[in-house]
Amino acid sequence: MVLLIPDPTFAGFVIAPMPVIYLRNPREGARMKPDFLQILRAVTLALAVGGASGAHARQSDVGETVLVDAGMEITVETAEGIRAYISHPLIPVTFSGLWYIAPGSYSIRREARIDGRRYALIPWARRQPDADVIREVKKGRGGCRADVQHFAAIDVQTNTLHDKTWIYTGDDCDVGNRWDQKLWLAPGFAFNGFQVRQQTASEASARRVASEREKAAIEQRAKEAEQEQRRQQEIVARMDAPAKRQIGASLCIVRNGMGYAGYTEQLNEETGRIRIRVVRQFNPATGRFLLSSPPEENIWEHPDNWYLCDF
């Protein structure tokens, strides 16, 4: 007979043997089931076995958490982000909620070092029931208690997410700087969905300067193209101005996504404006007139705001 005991490292369960003890009825000689006291003793023994193995696992999982060197910059990018659980997917109900890392680019402040490897640390957040970072109070091996924060740990060499969370505390308690909760990814997500970039601070600065210059150059080219387009429109407007002032000229304009068409009815020589009788509406995307026509109206406009059209 075996007993499933929760592993103190929260990584799963420990299978511990539970001795089967039978009582013999002195009168009948028949075997009977163990009494409650014997069961309790067996469970205590199993817990001691499981606890000892769990403590050994915790000791081997201890490393250190350090600040990223001031002369280096580490950036982690993830296009899809990560969603994970700390209870097995076969368990229908989870009290931990959905652990979450949003898609985007992360500037790394701390890294974990253990077993000769380095891991970039990103704070886990809880998507359900709230979006707070994940903290909890844990008890250290010496009996102290401290507030710890859970981090996702991405191997800077392989770009892969470790299958356990890394916990860190700023207190002196020995509860932090180690692997803690085992995690399972939600469907559709992968442990290798990360890209780690390491560079010196000077390289990063040069890259930002080059990026800003390129951005400024793109904006300048767009501004010059817009100015050239406006200049061409002004040239065309000046060339078409005499024709627009002719009584009966067909004119069109697009405003707020709707096209309007009308005729030149009158010219004001002093102001240079013309009176336009608007008679039709059309779809600017297709150039087709709408079946329903708006009530005719007369407006005074500058000819440059309208263009010659045929309708």
C-alpha atoms as a PDB file:
ATOM      1  CA  MET A   1       0.000   0.000   0.000  1.00  0.00           C
ATOM      2  CA  VAL A   2       1.331   3.480  -0.841  1.00  0.00           C
ATOM      3  CA  LEU A   3       0.422   6.997   0.248  1.00  0.00           C
ATOM      4  CA  LEU A   4       0.604  10.168  -1.885  1.00  0.00           C
ATOM      5  CA  ILE A   5       2.251  12.893   0.206  1.00  0.00           C
ATOM      6  CA  PRO A   6       2.517  16.535  -1.026  1.00  0.00           C
ATOM      7  CA  ASP A   7       6.146  17.389  -1.737  1.00  0.00           C
ATOM      8  CA  PRO A   8       7.216  20.350   0.528  1.00  0.00           C
ATOM      9  CA  THR A   9       8.851  21.905  -2.546  1.00  0.00           C
ATOM     10  CA  PHE A  10       5.373  22.065  -4.137  1.00  0.00           C
ATOM     11  CA  ALA A  11       6.793  20.273  -7.162  1.00  0.00           C
ATOM     12  CA  GLY A  12       4.308  17.407  -6.973  1.00  0.00           C
ATOM     13  CA  PHE A  13       3.767  14.391  -4.779  1.00  0.00           C
ATOM     14  CA  VAL A  14       6.036  11.933  -3.017  1.00  0.00           C
ATOM     15  CA  ILE A  15       5.085   8.266  -3.140  1.00  0.00           C
ATOM     16  CA  ALA A  16       5.779   6.948   0.350  1.00  0.00           C
ATOM     17  CA  PRO A  17       5.261   3.354   1.464  1.00  0.00           C
ATOM     18  CA  MET A  18       2.584   2.804   4.042  1.00  0.00           C
ATOM     19  CA  PRO A  19       2.910  -0.458   5.943  1.00  0.00           C
ATOM     20  CA  VAL A  20      -0.195  -2.618   6.122  1.00  0.00           C
ATOM     21  CA  ILE A  21      -0.690  -3.738   9.713  1.00  0.00           C
ATOM     22  CA  TYR A  22      -3.193  -6.390  10.580  1.00  0.00           C
ATOM     23  CA  LEU A  23      -4.685  -7.216  14.005  1.00  0.00           C
ATOM     24  CA  ARG A  24      -5.496 -10.746  14.884  1.00  0.00           C
ATOM     25  CA  ASN A  25      -8.711 -11.532  16.727  1.00  0.00           C
ATOM     26  CA  PRO A  26      -7.576 -13.694  19.656  1.00  0.00           C
ATOM     27  CA  ARG A  27     -10.800 -15.669  19.604  1.00  0.00           C
ATOM     28  CA  GLU A  28     -11.361 -16.175  15.876  1.00  0.00           C
ATOM     29  CA  GLY A  29      -7.778 -15.965  14.568  1.00  0.00           C
ATOM     30  CA  ALA A  30      -9.044 -13.710  11.695  1.00  0.00           C
ATOM     31  CA  ARG A  31      -7.057 -10.750  10.392  1.00  0.00           C
ATOM     32  CA  MET A  32      -8.625  -7.330  10.947  1.00  0.00           C
ATOM     33  CA  LYS A  33      -7.927  -3.829   9.520  1.00  0.00           C
ATOM     34  CA  PRO A  34      -5.495  -1.580  11.489  1.00  0.00           C
ATOM     35  CA  ASP A  35      -6.897   0.774  14.054  1.00  0.00           C
ATOM     36  CA  PHE A  36      -6.669   4.586  13.832  1.00  0.00           C
ATOM     37  CA  LEU A  37      -3.581   4.880  16.029  1.00  0.00           C
ATOM     38  CA  GLN A  38      -1.606   2.514  13.828  1.00  0.00           C
ATOM     39  CA  ILE A  39      -2.682   4.390  10.678  1.00  0.00           C
ATOM     40  CA  LEU A  40      -1.621   7.690  12.246  1.00  0.00           C
ATOM     41  CA  ARG A  41       1.819   6.274  13.067  1.00  0.00           C
ATOM     42  CA  ALA A  42       2.229   5.075   9.481  1.00  0.00           C
ATOM     43  CA  VAL A  43       1.235   8.442   8.052  1.00  0.00           C
ATOM     44  CA  THR A  44       3.692  10.193  10.379  1.00  0.00           C
ATOM     45  CA  LEU A  45       6.473   7.922   9.184  1.00  0.00           C
ATOM     46  CA  ALA A  46       5.585   8.590   5.525  1.00  0.00           C
ATOM     47  CA  LEU A  47       5.543  12.348   6.083  1.00  0.00           C
ATOM     48  CA  ALA A  48       8.974  12.183   7.676  1.00  0.00           C
ATOM     49  CA  VAL A  49      10.320  10.342   4.637  1.00  0.00           C
ATOM     50  CA  GLY A  50       8.723  12.800   2.224  1.00  0.00           C
ATOM     51  CA  GLY A  51       9.835  15.822   4.239  1.00  0.00           C
ATOM     52  CA  ALA A  52      13.437  14.673   4.296  1.00  0.00           C
ATOM     53  CA  SER A  53      13.532  14.218   0.515  1.00  0.00           C
ATOM     54  CA  GLY A  54      11.858  17.604   0.011  1.00  0.00           C
ATOM     55  CA  ALA A  55      14.378  19.409   2.215  1.00  0.00           C
ATOM     56  CA  HIS A  56      17.238  17.840   0.263  1.00  0.00           C
ATOM     57  CA  ALA A  57      15.669  19.042  -3.029  1.00  0.00           C
ATOM     58  CA  ARG A  58      15.338  22.578  -1.710  1.00  0.00           C
ATOM     59  CA  GLN A  59      18.977  22.675  -0.639  1.00  0.00           C
ATOM     60  CA  SER A  60      20.174  21.617  -4.092  1.00  0.00           C
ATOM     61  CA  ASP A  61      17.983  24.241  -5.796  1.00  0.00           C
ATOM     62  CA  VAL A  62      19.554  27.236  -4.027  1.00  0.00           C
ATOM     63  CA  GLY A  63      21.506  29.810  -6.056  1.00  0.00           C
ATOM     64  CA  GLU A  64      21.912  33.592  -6.004  1.00  0.00           C
ATOM     65  CA  THR A  65      20.042  36.608  -7.358  1.00  0.00           C
ATOM     66  CA  VAL A  66      22.174  39.514  -8.578  1.00  0.00           C
ATOM     67  CA  LEU A  67      21.612  42.865 -10.239  1.00  0.00           C
ATOM     68  CA  VAL A  68      22.526  43.058 -13.915  1.00  0.00           C
ATOM     69  CA  ASP A  69      25.964  44.593 -14.361  1.00  0.00           C
ATOM     70  CA  ALA A  70      25.730  48.358 -14.868  1.00  0.00           C
ATOM     71  CA  GLY A  71      27.904  48.050 -17.955  1.00  0.00           C
ATOM     72  CA  MET A  72      25.539  45.529 -19.585  1.00  0.00           C
ATOM     73  CA  GLU A  73      21.996  45.592 -20.865  1.00  0.00           C
ATOM     74  CA  ILE A  74      19.866  42.457 -21.112  1.00  0.00           C
ATOM     75  CA  THR A  75      16.596  42.564 -23.018  1.00  0.00           C
ATOM     76  CA  VAL A  76      14.098  39.721 -23.342  1.00  0.00           C
ATOM     77  CA  GLU A  77      11.481  39.800 -26.087  1.00  0.00           C
ATOM     78  CA  THR A  78       8.450  37.544 -26.325  1.00  0.00           C
ATOM     79  CA  ALA A  79       5.969  37.875 -29.162  1.00  0.00           C
ATOM     80  CA  GLU A  80       3.285  35.596 -27.696  1.00  0.00           C
ATOM     81  CA  GLY A  81       3.913  35.998 -23.977  1.00  0.00           C
ATOM     82  CA  ILE A  82       3.314  33.123 -21.569  1.00  0.00           C
ATOM     83  CA  ARG A  83       0.322  31.714 -19.721  1.00  0.00           C
ATOM     84  CA  ALA A  84       0.931  28.986 -17.176  1.00  0.00           C
ATOM     85  CA  TYR A  85      -0.476  27.118 -14.183  1.00  0.00           C
ATOM     86  CA  ILE A  86       1.283  25.838 -11.066  1.00  0.00           C
ATOM     87  CA  SER A  87      -1.147  22.942 -10.726  1.00  0.00           C
ATOM     88  CA  HIS A  88      -1.160  20.032 -13.146  1.00  0.00           C
ATOM     89  CA  PRO A  89      -3.475  20.488 -16.188  1.00  0.00           C
ATOM     90  CA  LEU A  90      -5.238  17.220 -15.286  1.00  0.00           C
ATOM     91  CA  ILE A  91      -6.510  18.873 -12.098  1.00  0.00           C
ATOM     92  CA  PRO A  92      -9.891  20.403 -13.085  1.00  0.00           C
ATOM     93  CA  VAL A  93      -9.828  23.159 -10.445  1.00  0.00           C
ATOM     94  CA  THR A  94      -6.839  25.364  -9.765  1.00  0.00           C
ATOM     95  CA  PHE A  95      -6.613  27.842  -6.924  1.00  0.00           C
ATOM     96  CA  SER A  96      -3.465  29.473  -8.256  1.00  0.00           C
ATOM     97  CA  GLY A  97      -5.146  31.174 -11.194  1.00  0.00           C
ATOM     98  CA  LEU A  98      -3.536  31.750 -14.551  1.00  0.00           C
ATOM     99  CA  TRP A  99       0.069  32.999 -14.250  1.00  0.00           C
ATOM    100  CA  TYR A 100       0.881  35.460 -16.970  1.00  0.00           C
ATOM    101  CA  ILE A 101       3.638  37.310 -18.816  1.00  0.00           C
ATOM    102  CA  ALA A 102       2.377  39.820 -21.358  1.00  0.00           C
ATOM    103  CA  PRO A 103       3.854  39.941 -24.875  1.00  0.00           C
ATOM    104  CA  GLY A 104       6.484  42.625 -25.357  1.00  0.00           C
ATOM    105  CA  SER A 105      10.058  43.621 -24.621  1.00  0.00           C
ATOM    106  CA  TYR A 106      11.477  43.485 -21.088  1.00  0.00           C
ATOM    107  CA  SER A 107      14.545  45.276 -19.759  1.00  0.00           C
ATOM    108  CA  ILE A 108      16.045  42.897 -17.205  1.00  0.00           C
ATOM    109  CA  ARG A 109      17.119  44.261 -13.804  1.00  0.00           C
ATOM    110  CA  ARG A 110      18.032  41.016 -12.033  1.00  0.00           C
ATOM    111  CA  GLU A 111      19.343  37.620 -13.032  1.00  0.00           C
ATOM    112  CA  ALA A 112      19.554  34.271 -11.242  1.00  0.00           C
ATOM    113  CA  ARG A 113      22.782  32.283 -11.150  1.00  0.00           C
ATOM    114  CA  ILE A 114      22.721  28.590 -10.318  1.00  0.00           C
ATOM    115  CA  ASP A 115      24.656  25.503 -11.421  1.00  0.00           C
ATOM    116  CA  GLY A 116      26.908  27.635 -13.632  1.00  0.00           C
ATOM    117  CA  ARG A 117      23.983  29.039 -15.657  1.00  0.00           C
ATOM    118  CA  ARG A 118      22.422  32.504 -15.826  1.00  0.00           C
ATOM    119  CA  TYR A 119      18.710  33.253 -16.050  1.00  0.00           C
ATOM    120  CA  ALA A 120      17.029  36.562 -16.909  1.00  0.00           C
ATOM    121  CA  LEU A 121      14.214  37.225 -14.427  1.00  0.00           C
ATOM    122  CA  ILE A 122      10.771  38.585 -15.381  1.00  0.00           C
ATOM    123  CA  PRO A 123       8.131  39.041 -12.638  1.00  0.00           C
ATOM    124  CA  TRP A 124       5.186  36.701 -12.934  1.00  0.00           C
ATOM    125  CA  ALA A 125       1.740  38.309 -12.809  1.00  0.00           C
ATOM    126  CA  ARG A 126      -1.590  36.618 -12.106  1.00  0.00           C
ATOM    127  CA  ARG A 127      -4.049  37.031 -14.983  1.00  0.00           C
ATOM    128  CA  GLN A 128      -6.892  35.660 -12.879  1.00  0.00           C
ATOM    129  CA  PRO A 129      -8.376  36.822 -10.575  1.00  0.00           C
ATOM    130  CA  ASP A 130      -6.190  39.963 -10.730  1.00  0.00           C
ATOM    131  CA  ALA A 131      -3.107  41.273 -12.516  1.00  0.00           C
ATOM    132  CA  ASP A 132      -0.862  41.826  -9.480  1.00  0.00           C
ATOM    133  CA  VAL A 133       2.663  40.495  -9.293  1.00  0.00           C
ATOM    134  CA  ILE A 134       2.790  37.199  -7.427  1.00  0.00           C
ATOM    135  CA  ARG A 135       4.072  37.478  -3.873  1.00  0.00           C
ATOM    136  CA  GLU A 136       3.664  35.279  -0.830  1.00  0.00           C
ATOM    137  CA  VAL A 137       5.116  34.776   2.636  1.00  0.00           C
ATOM    138  CA  LYS A 138       7.378  31.739   2.952  1.00  0.00           C
ATOM    139  CA  LYS A 139       9.265  30.148   5.812  1.00  0.00           C
ATOM    140  CA  GLY A 140      13.015  29.683   5.521  1.00  0.00           C
ATOM    141  CA  ARG A 141      15.078  26.711   6.620  1.00  0.00           C
ATOM    142  CA  GLY A 142      16.134  28.528   9.785  1.00  0.00           C
ATOM    143  CA  GLY A 143      12.531  29.275  10.767  1.00  0.00           C
ATOM    144  CA  CYS A 144      12.453  32.910   9.577  1.00  0.00           C
ATOM    145  CA  ARG A 145       9.640  34.217   7.393  1.00  0.00           C
ATOM    146  CA  ALA A 146       9.859  36.692   4.518  1.00  0.00           C
ATOM    147  CA  ASP A 147       7.856  38.080   1.630  1.00  0.00           C
ATOM    148  CA  VAL A 148       9.047  36.547  -1.659  1.00  0.00           C
ATOM    149  CA  GLN A 149       8.273  37.373  -5.288  1.00  0.00           C
ATOM    150  CA  HIS A 150       7.976  34.815  -8.075  1.00  0.00           C
ATOM    151  CA  PHE A 151       9.909  35.320 -11.317  1.00  0.00           C
ATOM    152  CA  ALA A 152       9.970  33.584 -14.681  1.00  0.00           C
ATOM    153  CA  ALA A 153      13.543  32.507 -15.380  1.00  0.00           C
ATOM    154  CA  ILE A 154      14.794  32.512 -18.990  1.00  0.00           C
ATOM    155  CA  ASP A 155      18.120  30.851 -19.728  1.00  0.00           C
ATOM    156  CA  VAL A 156      20.269  33.515 -21.404  1.00  0.00           C
ATOM    157  CA  GLN A 157      22.142  30.883 -23.442  1.00  0.00           C
ATOM    158  CA  THR A 158      19.255  28.709 -24.695  1.00  0.00           C
ATOM    159  CA  ASN A 159      16.455  31.354 -24.661  1.00  0.00           C
ATOM    160  CA  THR A 160      14.178  28.863 -22.880  1.00  0.00           C
ATOM    161  CA  LEU A 161      11.926  29.295 -19.867  1.00  0.00           C
ATOM    162  CA  HIS A 162      12.736  27.132 -16.824  1.00  0.00           C
ATOM    163  CA  ASP A 163       9.875  24.867 -15.718  1.00  0.00           C
ATOM    164  CA  LYS A 164      10.033  26.228 -12.156  1.00  0.00           C
ATOM    165  CA  THR A 165       9.577  29.709 -10.780  1.00  0.00           C
ATOM    166  CA  TRP A 166      12.479  31.528  -9.168  1.00  0.00           C
ATOM    167  CA  ILE A 167      11.744  33.257  -5.860  1.00  0.00           C
ATOM    168  CA  TYR A 168      13.604  36.276  -4.495  1.00  0.00           C
ATOM    169  CA  THR A 169      13.384  38.357  -1.353  1.00  0.00           C
ATOM    170  CA  GLY A 170      15.235  41.462  -0.260  1.00  0.00           C
ATOM    171  CA  ASP A 171      15.204  40.288   3.374  1.00  0.00           C
ATOM    172  CA  ASP A 172      18.014  38.482   5.136  1.00  0.00           C
ATOM    173  CA  CYS A 173      15.887  35.355   5.531  1.00  0.00           C
ATOM    174  CA  ASP A 174      17.252  32.313   3.661  1.00  0.00           C
ATOM    175  CA  VAL A 175      13.897  31.608   2.015  1.00  0.00           C
ATOM    176  CA  GLY A 176      14.724  33.145  -1.396  1.00  0.00           C
ATOM    177  CA  ASN A 177      17.217  32.707  -4.230  1.00  0.00           C
ATOM    178  CA  ARG A 178      16.008  29.281  -5.304  1.00  0.00           C
ATOM    179  CA  TRP A 179      13.698  27.309  -7.576  1.00  0.00           C
ATOM    180  CA  ASP A 180      10.197  26.993  -6.159  1.00  0.00           C
ATOM    181  CA  GLN A 181       6.926  26.254  -7.949  1.00  0.00           C
ATOM    182  CA  LYS A 182       6.789  23.857 -10.886  1.00  0.00           C
ATOM    183  CA  LEU A 183       4.667  25.228 -13.725  1.00  0.00           C
ATOM    184  CA  TRP A 184       2.746  23.895 -16.719  1.00  0.00           C
ATOM    185  CA  LEU A 185       2.103  26.006 -19.802  1.00  0.00           C
ATOM    186  CA  ALA A 186      -1.394  26.635 -21.095  1.00  0.00           C
ATOM    187  CA  PRO A 187      -2.190  25.150 -24.541  1.00  0.00           C
ATOM    188  CA  GLY A 188      -0.629  27.057 -27.424  1.00  0.00           C
ATOM    189  CA  PHE A 189       2.415  28.349 -25.519  1.00  0.00           C
ATOM    190  CA  ALA A 190       6.008  27.088 -25.605  1.00  0.00           C
ATOM    191  CA  PHE A 191       8.978  27.247 -23.239  1.00  0.00           C
ATOM    192  CA  ASN A 192      11.184  28.553 -26.071  1.00  0.00           C
ATOM    193  CA  GLY A 193       9.040  31.562 -26.974  1.00  0.00           C
ATOM    194  CA  PHE A 194      11.718  34.071 -25.909  1.00  0.00           C
ATOM    195  CA  GLN A 195      14.608  35.973 -27.465  1.00  0.00           C
ATOM    196  CA  VAL A 196      17.382  37.178 -25.153  1.00  0.00           C
ATOM    197  CA  ARG A 197      19.707  39.984 -26.294  1.00  0.00           C
ATOM    198  CA  GLN A 198      22.831  40.917 -24.318  1.00  0.00           C
ATOM    199  CA  GLN A 199      24.966  43.936 -25.136  1.00  0.00           C
ATOM    200  CA  THR A 200      27.202  46.425 -23.431  1.00  0.00           C
ATOM    201  CA  ALA A 201      25.741  49.739 -22.317  1.00  0.00           C
ATOM    202  CA  SER A 202      27.807  51.565 -24.977  1.00  0.00           C
ATOM    203  CA  GLU A 203      26.535  49.239 -27.714  1.00  0.00           C
ATOM    204  CA  ALA A 204      22.969  49.731 -26.509  1.00  0.00           C
ATOM    205  CA  SER A 205      23.422  53.518 -26.480  1.00  0.00           C
ATOM    206  CA  ALA A 206      24.829  53.495 -30.018  1.00  0.00           C
ATOM    207  CA  ARG A 207      21.962  51.320 -31.175  1.00  0.00           C
ATOM    208  CA  ARG A 208      19.391  53.689 -29.668  1.00  0.00           C
ATOM    209  CA  VAL A 209      21.080  56.692 -31.308  1.00  0.00           C
ATOM    210  CA  ALA A 210      21.048  54.937 -34.692  1.00  0.00           C
ATOM    211  CA  SER A 211      17.400  53.990 -34.212  1.00  0.00           C
ATOM    212  CA  GLU A 212      16.459  57.568 -33.312  1.00  0.00           C
ATOM    213  CA  ARG A 213      18.324  58.894 -36.351  1.00  0.00           C
ATOM    214  CA  GLU A 214      16.541  56.460 -38.631  1.00  0.00           C
ATOM    215  CA  LYS A 215      13.203  57.402 -37.114  1.00  0.00           C
ATOM    216  CA  ALA A 216      13.946  61.112 -37.614  1.00  0.00           C
ATOM    217  CA  ALA A 217      14.996  60.454 -41.228  1.00  0.00           C
ATOM    218  CA  ILE A 218      11.743  58.579 -41.918  1.00  0.00           C
ATOM    219  CA  GLU A 219       9.698  61.403 -40.400  1.00  0.00           C
ATOM    220  CA  GLN A 220      11.611  63.983 -42.445  1.00  0.00           C
ATOM    221  CA  ARG A 221      11.030  62.059 -45.683  1.00  0.00           C
ATOM    222  CA  ALA A 222       7.321  61.791 -44.882  1.00  0.00           C
ATOM    223  CA  LYS A 223       7.163  65.531 -44.148  1.00  0.00           C
ATOM    224  CA  GLU A 224       8.920  66.386 -47.412  1.00  0.00           C
ATOM    225  CA  ALA A 225       6.581  64.092 -49.369  1.00  0.00           C
ATOM    226  CA  GLU A 226       3.570  65.767 -47.765  1.00  0.00           C
ATOM    227  CA  GLN A 227       4.921  69.230 -48.600  1.00  0.00           C
ATOM    228  CA  GLU A 228       5.554  68.204 -52.200  1.00  0.00           C
ATOM    229  CA  GLN A 229       2.045  66.815 -52.518  1.00  0.00           C
ATOM    230  CA  ARG A 230       0.596  70.036 -51.132  1.00  0.00           C
ATOM    231  CA  ARG A 231       2.728  72.076 -53.544  1.00  0.00           C
ATOM    232  CA  GLN A 232       1.501  70.060 -56.511  1.00  0.00           C
ATOM    233  CA  GLN A 233      -2.080  70.507 -55.374  1.00  0.00           C
ATOM    234  CA  GLU A 234      -1.583  74.260 -55.135  1.00  0.00           C
ATOM    235  CA  ILE A 235      -0.154  74.352 -58.656  1.00  0.00           C
ATOM    236  CA  VAL A 236      -3.127  72.422 -60.005  1.00  0.00           C
ATOM    237  CA  ALA A 237      -5.504  74.646 -58.050  1.00  0.00           C
ATOM    238  CA  ARG A 238      -3.986  77.800 -59.536  1.00  0.00           C
ATOM    239  CA  MET A 239      -4.173  76.342 -63.033  1.00  0.00           C
ATOM    240  CA  ASP A 240      -7.804  75.275 -62.557  1.00  0.00           C
ATOM    241  CA  ALA A 241      -8.903  78.428 -60.734  1.00  0.00           C
ATOM    242  CA  PRO A 242     -10.160  80.295 -63.870  1.00  0.00           C
ATOM    243  CA  ALA A 243     -12.201  77.251 -64.959  1.00  0.00           C
ATOM    244  CA  LYS A 244     -13.732  76.841 -61.475  1.00  0.00           C
ATOM    245  CA  ARG A 245     -14.922  80.475 -61.580  1.00  0.00           C
ATOM    246  CA  GLN A 246     -16.834  79.911 -64.790  1.00  0.00           C
ATOM    247  CA  ILE A 247     -20.583  79.894 -64.206  1.00  0.00           C
ATOM    248  CA  GLY A 248     -21.892  76.335 -64.590  1.00  0.00           C
ATOM    249  CA  ALA A 249     -18.536  74.643 -63.892  1.00  0.00           C
ATOM    250  CA  SER A 250     -18.875  71.171 -62.311  1.00  0.00           C
ATOM    251  CA  LEU A 251     -17.089  70.988 -58.934  1.00  0.00           C
ATOM    252  CA  CYS A 252     -16.562  68.272 -56.333  1.00  0.00           C
ATOM    253  CA  ILE A 253     -15.217  68.009 -52.779  1.00  0.00           C
ATOM    254  CA  VAL A 254     -14.699  65.253 -50.164  1.00  0.00           C
ATOM    255  CA  ARG A 255     -15.425  66.042 -46.522  1.00  0.00           C
ATOM    256  CA  ASN A 256     -15.705  63.701 -43.539  1.00  0.00           C
ATOM    257  CA  GLY A 257     -15.683  60.654 -45.771  1.00  0.00           C
ATOM    258  CA  MET A 258     -18.509  61.895 -48.016  1.00  0.00           C
ATOM    259  CA  GLY A 259     -18.266  63.339 -51.545  1.00  0.00           C
ATOM    260  CA  TYR A 260     -20.320  66.349 -52.677  1.00  0.00           C
ATOM    261  CA  ALA A 261     -20.868  67.643 -56.222  1.00  0.00           C
ATOM    262  CA  GLY A 262     -22.335  70.880 -57.495  1.00  0.00           C
ATOM    263  CA  TYR A 263     -22.140  73.801 -59.930  1.00  0.00           C
ATOM    264  CA  THR A 264     -20.615  77.277 -59.848  1.00  0.00           C
ATOM    265  CA  GLU A 265     -23.524  79.709 -59.628  1.00  0.00           C
ATOM    266  CA  GLN A 266     -21.913  83.091 -58.898  1.00  0.00           C
ATOM    267  CA  LEU A 267     -18.508  84.795 -58.522  1.00  0.00           C
ATOM    268  CA  ASN A 268     -17.554  87.471 -55.977  1.00  0.00           C
ATOM    269  CA  GLU A 269     -14.751  89.477 -57.595  1.00  0.00           C
ATOM    270  CA  GLU A 270     -13.786  91.211 -54.347  1.00  0.00           C
ATOM    271  CA  THR A 271     -13.308  88.128 -52.197  1.00  0.00           C
ATOM    272  CA  GLY A 272     -12.519  85.657 -54.964  1.00  0.00           C
ATOM    273  CA  ARG A 273     -15.084  83.251 -53.577  1.00  0.00           C
ATOM    274  CA  ILE A 274     -17.696  81.437 -55.643  1.00  0.00           C
ATOM    275  CA  ARG A 275     -21.221  80.373 -54.783  1.00  0.00           C
ATOM    276  CA  ILE A 276     -21.693  76.656 -55.351  1.00  0.00           C
ATOM    277  CA  ARG A 277     -25.049  74.878 -55.670  1.00  0.00           C
ATOM    278  CA  VAL A 278     -24.559  71.385 -54.152  1.00  0.00           C
ATOM    279  CA  VAL A 279     -26.877  68.849 -55.807  1.00  0.00           C
ATOM    280  CA  ARG A 280     -25.365  65.320 -55.410  1.00  0.00           C
ATOM    281  CA  GLN A 281     -23.519  63.084 -52.974  1.00  0.00           C
ATOM    282  CA  PHE A 282     -21.111  60.292 -53.953  1.00  0.00           C
ATOM    283  CA  ASN A 283     -18.935  57.567 -52.423  1.00  0.00           C
ATOM    284  CA  PRO A 284     -15.287  58.731 -52.597  1.00  0.00           C
ATOM    285  CA  ALA A 285     -14.014  55.127 -52.608  1.00  0.00           C
ATOM    286  CA  THR A 286     -15.966  54.115 -55.713  1.00  0.00           C
ATOM    287  CA  GLY A 287     -16.888  57.476 -57.263  1.00  0.00           C
ATOM    288  CA  ARG A 288     -20.504  56.339 -57.534  1.00  0.00           C
ATOM    289  CA  PHE A 289     -23.325  58.716 -56.730  1.00  0.00           C
ATOM    290  CA  LEU A 290     -25.761  57.828 -53.975  1.00  0.00           C
ATOM    291  CA  LEU A 291     -29.324  57.018 -54.969  1.00  0.00           C
ATOM    292  CA  SER A 292     -30.757  59.473 -52.471  1.00  0.00           C
ATOM    293  CA  SER A 293     -29.860  63.100 -53.178  1.00  0.00           C
ATOM    294  CA  PRO A 294     -29.554  65.655 -50.354  1.00  0.00           C
ATOM    295  CA  PRO A 295     -31.596  68.854 -50.390  1.00  0.00           C
ATOM    296  CA  GLU A 296     -29.904  71.376 -52.648  1.00  0.00           C
ATOM    297  CA  GLU A 297     -27.909  74.075 -50.867  1.00  0.00           C
ATOM    298  CA  ASN A 298     -25.884  77.105 -51.873  1.00  0.00           C
ATOM    299  CA  ILE A 299     -22.561  77.776 -50.174  1.00  0.00           C
ATOM    300  CA  TRP A 300     -19.821  80.338 -50.641  1.00  0.00           C
ATOM    301  CA  GLU A 301     -16.366  78.713 -50.846  1.00  0.00           C
ATOM    302  CA  HIS A 302     -12.882  79.467 -52.059  1.00  0.00           C
ATOM    303  CA  PRO A 303     -12.267  77.713 -55.415  1.00  0.00           C
ATOM    304  CA  ASP A 304      -9.064  76.077 -54.087  1.00  0.00           C
ATOM    305  CA  ASN A 305     -11.160  73.899 -51.748  1.00  0.00           C
ATOM    306  CA  TRP A 306     -12.956  72.260 -54.704  1.00  0.00           C
ATOM    307  CA  TYR A 307     -11.741  70.411 -57.784  1.00  0.00           C
ATOM    308  CA  LEU A 308     -13.086  70.167 -61.288  1.00  0.00           C
ATOM    309  CA  CYS A 309     -15.066  66.997 -61.913  1.00  0.00           C
ATOM    310  CA  ASP A 310     -17.406  65.499 -64.497  1.00  0.00           C
ATOM    311  CA  PHE A 311     -20.779  64.212 -63.344  1.00  0.00           C
END
